[in-house]
Amino acid sequence: MAITTIQKRNKLNIVRRADDPGAGGAYHCYEIVRQSTEEADFRWIAMIQFQHGARGEGGSTEGVLDCDLLEIVRDRLAAFQCGDYACKENEYALRHVEEALLWMNKRVEDRAERGVLGTNKV
């Protein structure tokens, strides 16, 4: 099922959920496809498998974390800002991606301090 996106026009790719929600309601597998000129024809671009289950616990599926993807976006935006594509919009996006990473890291550090990092405990 295609996800609802903020971008409504001029999108290049379609992002779809590829599994059912797990504990906490989150999905763990997404696929990115490109629709061809034929309405029902899609070309597969990538599959993203997120961590499913607590890190280090048996039965968990290893995968990427949200922060991994944000770090990639941060690196790309920073590189654009050093080249010909530097612009105000990329600067703002970079700032907010970095802020998101700081908040996500705060959660990790908090969970580590409480001794619940890597578990399903709240």
PDB file of N, CA and C in Angstrom:
ATOM      1  N   MET A   1       0.838  -1.174   0.000  1.00  0.00           N
ATOM      2  CA  MET A   1       0.000   0.000   0.000  1.00  0.00           C
ATOM      3  C   MET A   1       0.889   1.245   0.000  1.00  0.00           C
ATOM      4  N   ALA A   2       0.665   2.145  -0.924  1.00  0.00           N
ATOM      5  CA  ALA A   2       1.436   3.387  -1.005  1.00  0.00           C
ATOM      6  C   ALA A   2       1.160   4.239   0.231  1.00  0.00           C
ATOM      7  N   ILE A   3       2.209   4.862   0.745  1.00  0.00           N
ATOM      8  CA  ILE A   3       2.034   5.712   1.918  1.00  0.00           C
ATOM      9  C   ILE A   3       1.587   7.109   1.494  1.00  0.00           C
ATOM     10  N   THR A   4       0.949   7.810   2.406  1.00  0.00           N
ATOM     11  CA  THR A   4       0.587   9.201   2.173  1.00  0.00           C
ATOM     12  C   THR A   4       1.844  10.037   2.380  1.00  0.00           C
ATOM     13  N   THR A   5       2.175  10.863   1.407  1.00  0.00           N
ATOM     14  CA  THR A   5       3.393  11.655   1.480  1.00  0.00           C
ATOM     15  C   THR A   5       3.074  13.142   1.531  1.00  0.00           C
ATOM     16  N   ILE A   6       4.034  13.905   1.994  1.00  0.00           N
ATOM     17  CA  ILE A   6       3.904  15.361   2.007  1.00  0.00           C
ATOM     18  C   ILE A   6       3.970  15.887   0.576  1.00  0.00           C
ATOM     19  N   GLN A   7       4.864  15.313  -0.215  1.00  0.00           N
ATOM     20  CA  GLN A   7       4.975  15.716  -1.621  1.00  0.00           C
ATOM     21  C   GLN A   7       3.784  15.156  -2.375  1.00  0.00           C
ATOM     22  N   LYS A   8       3.032  16.027  -2.998  1.00  0.00           N
ATOM     23  CA  LYS A   8       1.840  15.610  -3.735  1.00  0.00           C
ATOM     24  C   LYS A   8       2.043  15.653  -5.240  1.00  0.00           C
ATOM     25  N   ARG A   9       2.890  16.566  -5.723  1.00  0.00           N
ATOM     26  CA  ARG A   9       3.085  16.728  -7.165  1.00  0.00           C
ATOM     27  C   ARG A   9       4.557  16.537  -7.502  1.00  0.00           C
ATOM     28  N   ASN A  10       4.794  16.146  -8.725  1.00  0.00           N
ATOM     29  CA  ASN A  10       6.152  16.036  -9.258  1.00  0.00           C
ATOM     30  C   ASN A  10       7.032  15.038  -8.512  1.00  0.00           C
ATOM     31  N   LYS A  11       6.407  14.007  -7.931  1.00  0.00           N
ATOM     32  CA  LYS A  11       7.188  12.976  -7.255  1.00  0.00           C
ATOM     33  C   LYS A  11       7.793  12.047  -8.305  1.00  0.00           C
ATOM     34  N   LEU A  12       9.005  11.598  -8.038  1.00  0.00           N
ATOM     35  CA  LEU A  12       9.661  10.680  -8.956  1.00  0.00           C
ATOM     36  C   LEU A  12       9.306   9.234  -8.631  1.00  0.00           C
ATOM     37  N   ASN A  13       9.270   8.903  -7.343  1.00  0.00           N
ATOM     38  CA  ASN A  13       9.065   7.521  -6.902  1.00  0.00           C
ATOM     39  C   ASN A  13       7.818   7.389  -6.043  1.00  0.00           C
ATOM     40  N   ILE A  14       7.388   6.153  -5.876  1.00  0.00           N
ATOM     41  CA  ILE A  14       6.277   5.810  -4.996  1.00  0.00           C
ATOM     42  C   ILE A  14       6.847   4.952  -3.870  1.00  0.00           C
ATOM     43  N   VAL A  15       6.516   5.285  -2.633  1.00  0.00           N
ATOM     44  CA  VAL A  15       6.956   4.502  -1.477  1.00  0.00           C
ATOM     45  C   VAL A  15       5.758   3.709  -0.976  1.00  0.00           C
ATOM     46  N   ARG A  16       5.967   2.387  -0.823  1.00  0.00           N
ATOM     47  CA  ARG A  16       4.877   1.521  -0.396  1.00  0.00           C
ATOM     48  C   ARG A  16       5.294   0.712   0.832  1.00  0.00           C
ATOM     49  N   ARG A  17       4.329   0.477   1.724  1.00  0.00           N
ATOM     50  CA  ARG A  17       4.543  -0.449   2.834  1.00  0.00           C
ATOM     51  C   ARG A  17       4.539  -1.858   2.267  1.00  0.00           C
ATOM     52  N   ALA A  18       5.432  -2.694   2.792  1.00  0.00           N
ATOM     53  CA  ALA A  18       5.529  -4.056   2.270  1.00  0.00           C
ATOM     54  C   ALA A  18       5.302  -5.106   3.351  1.00  0.00           C
ATOM     55  N   ASP A  19       4.768  -4.702   4.503  1.00  0.00           N
ATOM     56  CA  ASP A  19       4.471  -5.659   5.564  1.00  0.00           C
ATOM     57  C   ASP A  19       3.327  -5.137   6.412  1.00  0.00           C
ATOM     58  N   ASP A  20       3.003  -5.859   7.441  1.00  0.00           N
ATOM     59  CA  ASP A  20       1.970  -5.451   8.387  1.00  0.00           C
ATOM     60  C   ASP A  20       2.623  -4.749   9.566  1.00  0.00           C
ATOM     61  N   PRO A  21       1.883  -3.898  10.278  1.00  0.00           N
ATOM     62  CA  PRO A  21       2.483  -3.221  11.426  1.00  0.00           C
ATOM     63  C   PRO A  21       2.869  -4.222  12.513  1.00  0.00           C
ATOM     64  N   GLY A  22       3.945  -3.895  13.206  1.00  0.00           N
ATOM     65  CA  GLY A  22       4.408  -4.734  14.307  1.00  0.00           C
ATOM     66  C   GLY A  22       4.071  -4.097  15.638  1.00  0.00           C
ATOM     67  N   ALA A  23       4.784  -4.527  16.672  1.00  0.00           N
ATOM     68  CA  ALA A  23       4.585  -3.975  18.012  1.00  0.00           C
ATOM     69  C   ALA A  23       4.759  -2.462  17.961  1.00  0.00           C
ATOM     70  N   GLY A  24       3.878  -1.742  18.602  1.00  0.00           N
ATOM     71  CA  GLY A  24       3.948  -0.290  18.600  1.00  0.00           C
ATOM     72  C   GLY A  24       3.314   0.343  17.377  1.00  0.00           C
ATOM     73  N   GLY A  25       2.877  -0.475  16.422  1.00  0.00           N
ATOM     74  CA  GLY A  25       2.170   0.042  15.260  1.00  0.00           C
ATOM     75  C   GLY A  25       3.028   0.427  14.074  1.00  0.00           C
ATOM     76  N   ALA A  26       4.354   0.274  14.177  1.00  0.00           N
ATOM     77  CA  ALA A  26       5.238   0.681  13.089  1.00  0.00           C
ATOM     78  C   ALA A  26       5.372  -0.428  12.049  1.00  0.00           C
ATOM     79  N   TYR A  27       5.618  -0.019  10.814  1.00  0.00           N
ATOM     80  CA  TYR A  27       5.914  -0.949   9.725  1.00  0.00           C
ATOM     81  C   TYR A  27       7.427  -1.138   9.656  1.00  0.00           C
ATOM     82  N   HIS A  28       7.869  -2.264   9.127  1.00  0.00           N
ATOM     83  CA  HIS A  28       9.295  -2.572   9.138  1.00  0.00           C
ATOM     84  C   HIS A  28       9.892  -2.818   7.761  1.00  0.00           C
ATOM     85  N   CYS A  29       9.066  -2.808   6.748  1.00  0.00           N
ATOM     86  CA  CYS A  29       9.577  -3.060   5.408  1.00  0.00           C
ATOM     87  C   CYS A  29       8.852  -2.135   4.417  1.00  0.00           C
ATOM     88  N   TYR A  30       9.636  -1.446   3.617  1.00  0.00           N
ATOM     89  CA  TYR A  30       9.104  -0.525   2.610  1.00  0.00           C
ATOM     90  C   TYR A  30       9.775  -0.827   1.286  1.00  0.00           C
ATOM     91  N   GLU A  31       9.058  -0.597   0.205  1.00  0.00           N
ATOM     92  CA  GLU A  31       9.661  -0.700  -1.106  1.00  0.00           C
ATOM     93  C   GLU A  31       9.444   0.613  -1.850  1.00  0.00           C
ATOM     94  N   ILE A  32      10.413   0.933  -2.661  1.00  0.00           N
ATOM     95  CA  ILE A  32      10.360   2.140  -3.472  1.00  0.00           C
ATOM     96  C   ILE A  32      10.286   1.696  -4.917  1.00  0.00           C
ATOM     97  N   VAL A  33       9.275   2.183  -5.610  1.00  0.00           N
ATOM     98  CA  VAL A  33       9.052   1.793  -6.999  1.00  0.00           C
ATOM     99  C   VAL A  33       8.859   3.049  -7.847  1.00  0.00           C
ATOM    100  N   ARG A  34       9.067   2.882  -9.132  1.00  0.00           N
ATOM    101  CA  ARG A  34       8.820   3.966 -10.073  1.00  0.00           C
ATOM    102  C   ARG A  34       7.767   3.487 -11.053  1.00  0.00           C
ATOM    103  N   GLN A  35       6.732   4.271 -11.193  1.00  0.00           N
ATOM    104  CA  GLN A  35       5.676   3.919 -12.140  1.00  0.00           C
ATOM    105  C   GLN A  35       6.125   4.290 -13.540  1.00  0.00           C
ATOM    106  N   SER A  36       5.943   3.353 -14.442  1.00  0.00           N
ATOM    107  CA  SER A  36       6.329   3.614 -15.831  1.00  0.00           C
ATOM    108  C   SER A  36       5.187   4.331 -16.542  1.00  0.00           C
ATOM    109  N   THR A  37       5.350   4.505 -17.813  1.00  0.00           N
ATOM    110  CA  THR A  37       4.302   5.159 -18.600  1.00  0.00           C
ATOM    111  C   THR A  37       3.040   4.306 -18.668  1.00  0.00           C
ATOM    112  N   GLU A  38       3.195   2.999 -18.499  1.00  0.00           N
ATOM    113  CA  GLU A  38       2.033   2.112 -18.432  1.00  0.00           C
ATOM    114  C   GLU A  38       1.466   2.177 -17.018  1.00  0.00           C
ATOM    115  N   GLU A  39       0.208   2.477 -16.884  1.00  0.00           N
ATOM    116  CA  GLU A  39      -0.439   2.725 -15.590  1.00  0.00           C
ATOM    117  C   GLU A  39      -0.170   1.635 -14.549  1.00  0.00           C
ATOM    118  N   ALA A  40      -0.222   0.370 -14.941  1.00  0.00           N
ATOM    119  CA  ALA A  40      -0.097  -0.722 -13.977  1.00  0.00           C
ATOM    120  C   ALA A  40       1.325  -1.278 -13.900  1.00  0.00           C
ATOM    121  N   ASP A  41       2.270  -0.684 -14.593  1.00  0.00           N
ATOM    122  CA  ASP A  41       3.630  -1.205 -14.646  1.00  0.00           C
ATOM    123  C   ASP A  41       4.529  -0.417 -13.693  1.00  0.00           C
ATOM    124  N   PHE A  42       5.156  -1.132 -12.748  1.00  0.00           N
ATOM    125  CA  PHE A  42       6.052  -0.500 -11.784  1.00  0.00           C
ATOM    126  C   PHE A  42       7.440  -1.102 -11.911  1.00  0.00           C
ATOM    127  N   ARG A  43       8.444  -0.275 -11.774  1.00  0.00           N
ATOM    128  CA  ARG A  43       9.832  -0.747 -11.769  1.00  0.00           C
ATOM    129  C   ARG A  43      10.360  -0.629 -10.352  1.00  0.00           C
ATOM    130  N   TRP A  44      10.822  -1.745  -9.799  1.00  0.00           N
ATOM    131  CA  TRP A  44      11.321  -1.795  -8.436  1.00  0.00           C
ATOM    132  C   TRP A  44      12.639  -1.040  -8.342  1.00  0.00           C
ATOM    133  N   ILE A  45      12.776  -0.181  -7.319  1.00  0.00           N
ATOM    134  CA  ILE A  45      13.997   0.600  -7.114  1.00  0.00           C
ATOM    135  C   ILE A  45      14.774   0.055  -5.919  1.00  0.00           C
ATOM    136  N   ALA A  46      14.101  -0.081  -4.766  1.00  0.00           N
ATOM    137  CA  ALA A  46      14.803  -0.518  -3.549  1.00  0.00           C
ATOM    138  C   ALA A  46      13.815  -1.052  -2.516  1.00  0.00           C
ATOM    139  N   MET A  47      14.350  -1.884  -1.629  1.00  0.00           N
ATOM    140  CA  MET A  47      13.603  -2.378  -0.470  1.00  0.00           C
ATOM    141  C   MET A  47      14.375  -1.914   0.764  1.00  0.00           C
ATOM    142  N   ILE A  48      13.662  -1.381   1.728  1.00  0.00           N
ATOM    143  CA  ILE A  48      14.293  -0.957   2.977  1.00  0.00           C
ATOM    144  C   ILE A  48      13.719  -1.801   4.104  1.00  0.00           C
ATOM    145  N   GLN A  49      14.598  -2.564   4.761  1.00  0.00           N
ATOM    146  CA  GLN A  49      14.210  -3.413   5.884  1.00  0.00           C
ATOM    147  C   GLN A  49      14.662  -2.723   7.166  1.00  0.00           C
ATOM    148  N   PHE A  50      13.705  -2.333   7.992  1.00  0.00           N
ATOM    149  CA  PHE A  50      14.020  -1.731   9.277  1.00  0.00           C
ATOM    150  C   PHE A  50      14.218  -2.813  10.329  1.00  0.00           C
ATOM    151  N   GLN A  51      14.951  -2.458  11.369  1.00  0.00           N
ATOM    152  CA  GLN A  51      15.093  -3.337  12.528  1.00  0.00           C
ATOM    153  C   GLN A  51      13.695  -3.717  13.005  1.00  0.00           C
ATOM    154  N   HIS A  52      13.479  -5.007  13.218  1.00  0.00           N
ATOM    155  CA  HIS A  52      12.170  -5.481  13.686  1.00  0.00           C
ATOM    156  C   HIS A  52      12.416  -6.292  14.942  1.00  0.00           C
ATOM    157  N   GLY A  53      12.100  -5.703  16.064  1.00  0.00           N
ATOM    158  CA  GLY A  53      12.385  -6.309  17.353  1.00  0.00           C
ATOM    159  C   GLY A  53      13.567  -5.608  17.989  1.00  0.00           C
ATOM    160  N   ALA A  54      13.741  -5.875  19.259  1.00  0.00           N
ATOM    161  CA  ALA A  54      14.818  -5.220  20.009  1.00  0.00           C
ATOM    162  C   ALA A  54      16.178  -5.706  19.535  1.00  0.00           C
ATOM    163  N   ARG A  55      17.127  -4.764  19.454  1.00  0.00           N
ATOM    164  CA  ARG A  55      18.485  -5.152  19.043  1.00  0.00           C
ATOM    165  C   ARG A  55      19.061  -6.112  20.080  1.00  0.00           C
ATOM    166  N   GLY A  56      19.698  -7.142  19.593  1.00  0.00           N
ATOM    167  CA  GLY A  56      20.338  -8.088  20.500  1.00  0.00           C
ATOM    168  C   GLY A  56      19.419  -9.155  21.074  1.00  0.00           C
ATOM    169  N   GLU A  57      18.132  -9.092  20.821  1.00  0.00           N
ATOM    170  CA  GLU A  57      17.223 -10.117  21.330  1.00  0.00           C
ATOM    171  C   GLU A  57      16.972 -11.147  20.244  1.00  0.00           C
ATOM    172  N   GLY A  58      16.897 -12.405  20.649  1.00  0.00           N
ATOM    173  CA  GLY A  58      16.642 -13.483  19.705  1.00  0.00           C
ATOM    174  C   GLY A  58      15.326 -13.279  18.980  1.00  0.00           C
ATOM    175  N   GLY A  59      15.286 -13.672  17.733  1.00  0.00           N
ATOM    176  CA  GLY A  59      14.076 -13.550  16.935  1.00  0.00           C
ATOM    177  C   GLY A  59      13.889 -12.210  16.264  1.00  0.00           C
ATOM    178  N   SER A  60      14.758 -11.264  16.547  1.00  0.00           N
ATOM    179  CA  SER A  60      14.660  -9.955  15.899  1.00  0.00           C
ATOM    180  C   SER A  60      15.216 -10.023  14.492  1.00  0.00           C
ATOM    181  N   THR A  61      14.663  -9.207  13.602  1.00  0.00           N
ATOM    182  CA  THR A  61      15.172  -9.095  12.241  1.00  0.00           C
ATOM    183  C   THR A  61      16.091  -7.890  12.186  1.00  0.00           C
ATOM    184  N   GLU A  62      17.334  -8.107  11.811  1.00  0.00           N
ATOM    185  CA  GLU A  62      18.270  -6.992  11.693  1.00  0.00           C
ATOM    186  C   GLU A  62      17.857  -6.096  10.543  1.00  0.00           C
ATOM    187  N   GLY A  63      18.021  -4.812  10.746  1.00  0.00           N
ATOM    188  CA  GLY A  63      17.678  -3.865   9.693  1.00  0.00           C
ATOM    189  C   GLY A  63      18.208  -2.491  10.005  1.00  0.00           C
ATOM    190  N   VAL A  64      17.924  -1.566   9.119  1.00  0.00           N
ATOM    191  CA  VAL A  64      18.363  -0.186   9.311  1.00  0.00           C
ATOM    192  C   VAL A  64      17.479   0.490  10.353  1.00  0.00           C
ATOM    193  N   LEU A  65      17.985   1.560  10.900  1.00  0.00           N
ATOM    194  CA  LEU A  65      17.230   2.384  11.844  1.00  0.00           C
ATOM    195  C   LEU A  65      16.851   3.687  11.156  1.00  0.00           C
ATOM    196  N   ASP A  66      15.849   4.346  11.688  1.00  0.00           N
ATOM    197  CA  ASP A  66      15.440   5.643  11.148  1.00  0.00           C
ATOM    198  C   ASP A  66      16.624   6.599  11.093  1.00  0.00           C
ATOM    199  N   CYS A  67      17.449   6.587  12.151  1.00  0.00           N
ATOM    200  CA  CYS A  67      18.589   7.500  12.204  1.00  0.00           C
ATOM    201  C   CYS A  67      19.615   7.174  11.114  1.00  0.00           C
ATOM    202  N   ASP A  68      19.728   5.902  10.698  1.00  0.00           N
ATOM    203  CA  ASP A  68      20.639   5.565   9.601  1.00  0.00           C
ATOM    204  C   ASP A  68      20.244   6.305   8.322  1.00  0.00           C
ATOM    205  N   LEU A  69      18.955   6.286   8.026  1.00  0.00           N
ATOM    206  CA  LEU A  69      18.488   6.964   6.813  1.00  0.00           C
ATOM    207  C   LEU A  69      18.664   8.474   6.925  1.00  0.00           C
ATOM    208  N   LEU A  70      18.400   9.015   8.106  1.00  0.00           N
ATOM    209  CA  LEU A  70      18.589  10.460   8.296  1.00  0.00           C
ATOM    210  C   LEU A  70      20.064  10.850   8.176  1.00  0.00           C
ATOM    211  N   GLU A  71      20.962   9.985   8.638  1.00  0.00           N
ATOM    212  CA  GLU A  71      22.399  10.275   8.498  1.00  0.00           C
ATOM    213  C   GLU A  71      22.798  10.323   7.023  1.00  0.00           C
ATOM    214  N   ILE A  72      22.210   9.445   6.208  1.00  0.00           N
ATOM    215  CA  ILE A  72      22.481   9.470   4.765  1.00  0.00           C
ATOM    216  C   ILE A  72      21.962  10.769   4.164  1.00  0.00           C
ATOM    217  N   VAL A  73      20.743  11.156   4.516  1.00  0.00           N
ATOM    218  CA  VAL A  73      20.162  12.404   4.009  1.00  0.00           C
ATOM    219  C   VAL A  73      20.997  13.595   4.472  1.00  0.00           C
ATOM    220  N   ARG A  74      21.437  13.577   5.728  1.00  0.00           N
ATOM    221  CA  ARG A  74      22.279  14.659   6.256  1.00  0.00           C
ATOM    222  C   ARG A  74      23.566  14.782   5.445  1.00  0.00           C
ATOM    223  N   ASP A  75      24.210  13.645   5.160  1.00  0.00           N
ATOM    224  CA  ASP A  75      25.447  13.656   4.399  1.00  0.00           C
ATOM    225  C   ASP A  75      25.230  14.213   2.987  1.00  0.00           C
ATOM    226  N   ARG A  76      24.141  13.798   2.343  1.00  0.00           N
ATOM    227  CA  ARG A  76      23.847  14.279   0.981  1.00  0.00           C
ATOM    228  C   ARG A  76      23.563  15.775   0.970  1.00  0.00           C
ATOM    229  N   LEU A  77      22.738  16.239   1.904  1.00  0.00           N
ATOM    230  CA  LEU A  77      22.416  17.667   1.948  1.00  0.00           C
ATOM    231  C   LEU A  77      23.657  18.508   2.233  1.00  0.00           C
ATOM    232  N   ALA A  78      24.508  18.032   3.152  1.00  0.00           N
ATOM    233  CA  ALA A  78      25.751  18.758   3.447  1.00  0.00           C
ATOM    234  C   ALA A  78      26.634  18.827   2.207  1.00  0.00           C
ATOM    235  N   ALA A  79      26.688  17.734   1.440  1.00  0.00           N
ATOM    236  CA  ALA A  79      27.496  17.730   0.216  1.00  0.00           C
ATOM    237  C   ALA A  79      26.922  18.702  -0.815  1.00  0.00           C
ATOM    238  N   PHE A  80      25.591  18.709  -0.956  1.00  0.00           N
ATOM    239  CA  PHE A  80      24.967  19.668  -1.879  1.00  0.00           C
ATOM    240  C   PHE A  80      25.303  21.103  -1.473  1.00  0.00           C
ATOM    241  N   GLN A  81      25.327  21.365  -0.182  1.00  0.00           N
ATOM    242  CA  GLN A  81      25.603  22.725   0.294  1.00  0.00           C
ATOM    243  C   GLN A  81      27.040  23.150   0.026  1.00  0.00           C
ATOM    244  N   CYS A  82      27.913  22.190  -0.261  1.00  0.00           N
ATOM    245  CA  CYS A  82      29.310  22.510  -0.601  1.00  0.00           C
ATOM    246  C   CYS A  82      29.520  22.598  -2.110  1.00  0.00           C
ATOM    247  N   GLY A  83      28.464  22.401  -2.875  1.00  0.00           N
ATOM    248  CA  GLY A  83      28.605  22.386  -4.333  1.00  0.00           C
ATOM    249  C   GLY A  83      27.661  23.343  -5.020  1.00  0.00           C
ATOM    250  N   ASP A  84      27.403  23.050  -6.275  1.00  0.00           N
ATOM    251  CA  ASP A  84      26.588  23.918  -7.123  1.00  0.00           C
ATOM    252  C   ASP A  84      25.118  23.968  -6.724  1.00  0.00           C
ATOM    253  N   TYR A  85      24.670  23.018  -5.906  1.00  0.00           N
ATOM    254  CA  TYR A  85      23.246  22.963  -5.560  1.00  0.00           C
ATOM    255  C   TYR A  85      22.946  23.561  -4.194  1.00  0.00           C
ATOM    256  N   ALA A  86      23.868  24.314  -3.643  1.00  0.00           N
ATOM    257  CA  ALA A  86      23.621  24.977  -2.359  1.00  0.00           C
ATOM    258  C   ALA A  86      22.452  25.948  -2.512  1.00  0.00           C
ATOM    259  N   CYS A  87      21.540  25.912  -1.534  1.00  0.00           N
ATOM    260  CA  CYS A  87      20.406  26.828  -1.559  1.00  0.00           C
ATOM    261  C   CYS A  87      19.795  26.925  -0.164  1.00  0.00           C
ATOM    262  N   LYS A  88      18.945  27.908  -0.001  1.00  0.00           N
ATOM    263  CA  LYS A  88      18.296  28.152   1.278  1.00  0.00           C
ATOM    264  C   LYS A  88      17.454  26.955   1.709  1.00  0.00           C
ATOM    265  N   GLU A  89      16.742  26.346   0.759  1.00  0.00           N
ATOM    266  CA  GLU A  89      15.874  25.214   1.092  1.00  0.00           C
ATOM    267  C   GLU A  89      16.677  24.023   1.614  1.00  0.00           C
ATOM    268  N   ASN A  90      17.799  23.722   0.971  1.00  0.00           N
ATOM    269  CA  ASN A  90      18.652  22.632   1.453  1.00  0.00           C
ATOM    270  C   ASN A  90      19.240  22.956   2.821  1.00  0.00           C
ATOM    271  N   GLU A  91      19.595  24.220   3.030  1.00  0.00           N
ATOM    272  CA  GLU A  91      20.130  24.642   4.326  1.00  0.00           C
ATOM    273  C   GLU A  91      19.111  24.393   5.431  1.00  0.00           C
ATOM    274  N   TYR A  92      17.867  24.789   5.203  1.00  0.00           N
ATOM    275  CA  TYR A  92      16.811  24.570   6.204  1.00  0.00           C
ATOM    276  C   TYR A  92      16.555  23.078   6.418  1.00  0.00           C
ATOM    277  N   ALA A  93      16.503  22.324   5.332  1.00  0.00           N
ATOM    278  CA  ALA A  93      16.280  20.882   5.447  1.00  0.00           C
ATOM    279  C   ALA A  93      17.405  20.231   6.246  1.00  0.00           C
ATOM    280  N   LEU A  94      18.647  20.608   5.958  1.00  0.00           N
ATOM    281  CA  LEU A  94      19.797  20.069   6.679  1.00  0.00           C
ATOM    282  C   LEU A  94      19.703  20.381   8.168  1.00  0.00           C
ATOM    283  N   ARG A  95      19.346  21.598   8.487  1.00  0.00           N
ATOM    284  CA  ARG A  95      19.220  21.994   9.890  1.00  0.00           C
ATOM    285  C   ARG A  95      18.181  21.128  10.610  1.00  0.00           C
ATOM    286  N   HIS A  96      17.056  20.887   9.974  1.00  0.00           N
ATOM    287  CA  HIS A  96      15.993  20.115  10.624  1.00  0.00           C
ATOM    288  C   HIS A  96      16.315  18.625  10.691  1.00  0.00           C
ATOM    289  N   VAL A  97      17.008  18.101   9.702  1.00  0.00           N
ATOM    290  CA  VAL A  97      17.449  16.705   9.774  1.00  0.00           C
ATOM    291  C   VAL A  97      18.426  16.545  10.944  1.00  0.00           C
ATOM    292  N   GLU A  98      19.343  17.502  11.085  1.00  0.00           N
ATOM    293  CA  GLU A  98      20.288  17.442  12.212  1.00  0.00           C
ATOM    294  C   GLU A  98      19.560  17.548  13.536  1.00  0.00           C
ATOM    295  N   GLU A  99      18.556  18.389  13.617  1.00  0.00           N
ATOM    296  CA  GLU A  99      17.769  18.505  14.850  1.00  0.00           C
ATOM    297  C   GLU A  99      17.041  17.191  15.142  1.00  0.00           C
ATOM    298  N   ALA A 100      16.479  16.571  14.126  1.00  0.00           N
ATOM    299  CA  ALA A 100      15.805  15.288  14.316  1.00  0.00           C
ATOM    300  C   ALA A 100      16.787  14.245  14.851  1.00  0.00           C
ATOM    301  N   LEU A 101      17.995  14.218  14.300  1.00  0.00           N
ATOM    302  CA  LEU A 101      19.003  13.264  14.765  1.00  0.00           C
ATOM    303  C   LEU A 101      19.391  13.523  16.216  1.00  0.00           C
ATOM    304  N   LEU A 102      19.476  14.779  16.604  1.00  0.00           N
ATOM    305  CA  LEU A 102      19.799  15.095  18.000  1.00  0.00           C
ATOM    306  C   LEU A 102      18.720  14.574  18.946  1.00  0.00           C
ATOM    307  N   TRP A 103      17.458  14.746  18.578  1.00  0.00           N
ATOM    308  CA  TRP A 103      16.366  14.253  19.421  1.00  0.00           C
ATOM    309  C   TRP A 103      16.341  12.730  19.464  1.00  0.00           C
ATOM    310  N   MET A 104      16.592  12.100  18.333  1.00  0.00           N
ATOM    311  CA  MET A 104      16.614  10.638  18.310  1.00  0.00           C
ATOM    312  C   MET A 104      17.766  10.106  19.156  1.00  0.00           C
ATOM    313  N   ASN A 105      18.914  10.773  19.095  1.00  0.00           N
ATOM    314  CA  ASN A 105      20.055  10.357  19.905  1.00  0.00           C
ATOM    315  C   ASN A 105      19.772  10.564  21.391  1.00  0.00           C
ATOM    316  N   LYS A 106      19.045  11.626  21.734  1.00  0.00           N
ATOM    317  CA  LYS A 106      18.687  11.855  23.134  1.00  0.00           C
ATOM    318  C   LYS A 106      17.870  10.689  23.666  1.00  0.00           C
ATOM    319  N   ARG A 107      16.955  10.178  22.859  1.00  0.00           N
ATOM    320  CA  ARG A 107      16.148   9.023  23.267  1.00  0.00           C
ATOM    321  C   ARG A 107      17.034   7.804  23.504  1.00  0.00           C
ATOM    322  N   VAL A 108      17.984   7.558  22.592  1.00  0.00           N
ATOM    323  CA  VAL A 108      18.895   6.422  22.753  1.00  0.00           C
ATOM    324  C   VAL A 108      19.701   6.566  24.039  1.00  0.00           C
ATOM    325  N   GLU A 109      20.259   7.753  24.263  1.00  0.00           N
ATOM    326  CA  GLU A 109      21.061   7.981  25.467  1.00  0.00           C
ATOM    327  C   GLU A 109      20.220   7.807  26.738  1.00  0.00           C
ATOM    328  N   ASP A 110      18.995   8.298  26.711  1.00  0.00           N
ATOM    329  CA  ASP A 110      18.094   8.149  27.857  1.00  0.00           C
ATOM    330  C   ASP A 110      17.816   6.668  28.127  1.00  0.00           C
ATOM    331  N   ARG A 111      17.526   5.916  27.079  1.00  0.00           N
ATOM    332  CA  ARG A 111      17.245   4.479  27.245  1.00  0.00           C
ATOM    333  C   ARG A 111      18.484   3.741  27.752  1.00  0.00           C
ATOM    334  N   ALA A 112      19.674   4.129  27.272  1.00  0.00           N
ATOM    335  CA  ALA A 112      20.913   3.502  27.740  1.00  0.00           C
ATOM    336  C   ALA A 112      21.116   3.781  29.226  1.00  0.00           C
ATOM    337  N   GLU A 113      20.897   5.018  29.651  1.00  0.00           N
ATOM    338  CA  GLU A 113      21.052   5.376  31.069  1.00  0.00           C
ATOM    339  C   GLU A 113      20.093   4.610  31.969  1.00  0.00           C
ATOM    340  N   ARG A 114      18.875   4.336  31.455  1.00  0.00           N
ATOM    341  CA  ARG A 114      17.882   3.601  32.244  1.00  0.00           C
ATOM    342  C   ARG A 114      18.054   2.091  32.136  1.00  0.00           C
ATOM    343  N   GLY A 115      19.019   1.641  31.312  1.00  0.00           N
ATOM    344  CA  GLY A 115      19.291   0.220  31.184  1.00  0.00           C
ATOM    345  C   GLY A 115      18.261  -0.546  30.379  1.00  0.00           C
ATOM    346  N   VAL A 116      17.510   0.141  29.507  1.00  0.00           N
ATOM    347  CA  VAL A 116      16.496  -0.529  28.704  1.00  0.00           C
ATOM    348  C   VAL A 116      16.805  -0.483  27.206  1.00  0.00           C
ATOM    349  N   LEU A 117      17.957   0.077  26.826  1.00  0.00           N
ATOM    350  CA  LEU A 117      18.331   0.112  25.420  1.00  0.00           C
ATOM    351  C   LEU A 117      18.514  -1.312  24.919  1.00  0.00           C
ATOM    352  N   GLY A 118      17.919  -1.625  23.783  1.00  0.00           N
ATOM    353  CA  GLY A 118      18.045  -2.952  23.211  1.00  0.00           C
ATOM    354  C   GLY A 118      17.020  -3.935  23.730  1.00  0.00           C
ATOM    355  N   THR A 119      16.010  -3.414  24.440  1.00  0.00           N
ATOM    356  CA  THR A 119      14.936  -4.269  24.944  1.00  0.00           C
ATOM    357  C   THR A 119      13.601  -3.691  24.496  1.00  0.00           C
ATOM    358  N   ASN A 120      12.534  -4.438  24.735  1.00  0.00           N
ATOM    359  CA  ASN A 120      11.189  -3.939  24.441  1.00  0.00           C
ATOM    360  C   ASN A 120      10.570  -3.231  25.633  1.00  0.00           C
ATOM    361  N   LYS A 121      11.373  -2.982  26.659  1.00  0.00           N
ATOM    362  CA  LYS A 121      10.857  -2.287  27.845  1.00  0.00           C
ATOM    363  C   LYS A 121      10.735  -0.798  27.564  1.00  0.00           C
ATOM    364  N   VAL A 122       9.740  -0.175  28.155  1.00  0.00           N
ATOM    365  CA  VAL A 122       9.539   1.260  27.990  1.00  0.00           C
ATOM    366  C   VAL A 122      10.455   1.957  28.963  1.00  0.00           C
TER     367      VAL A 122
END
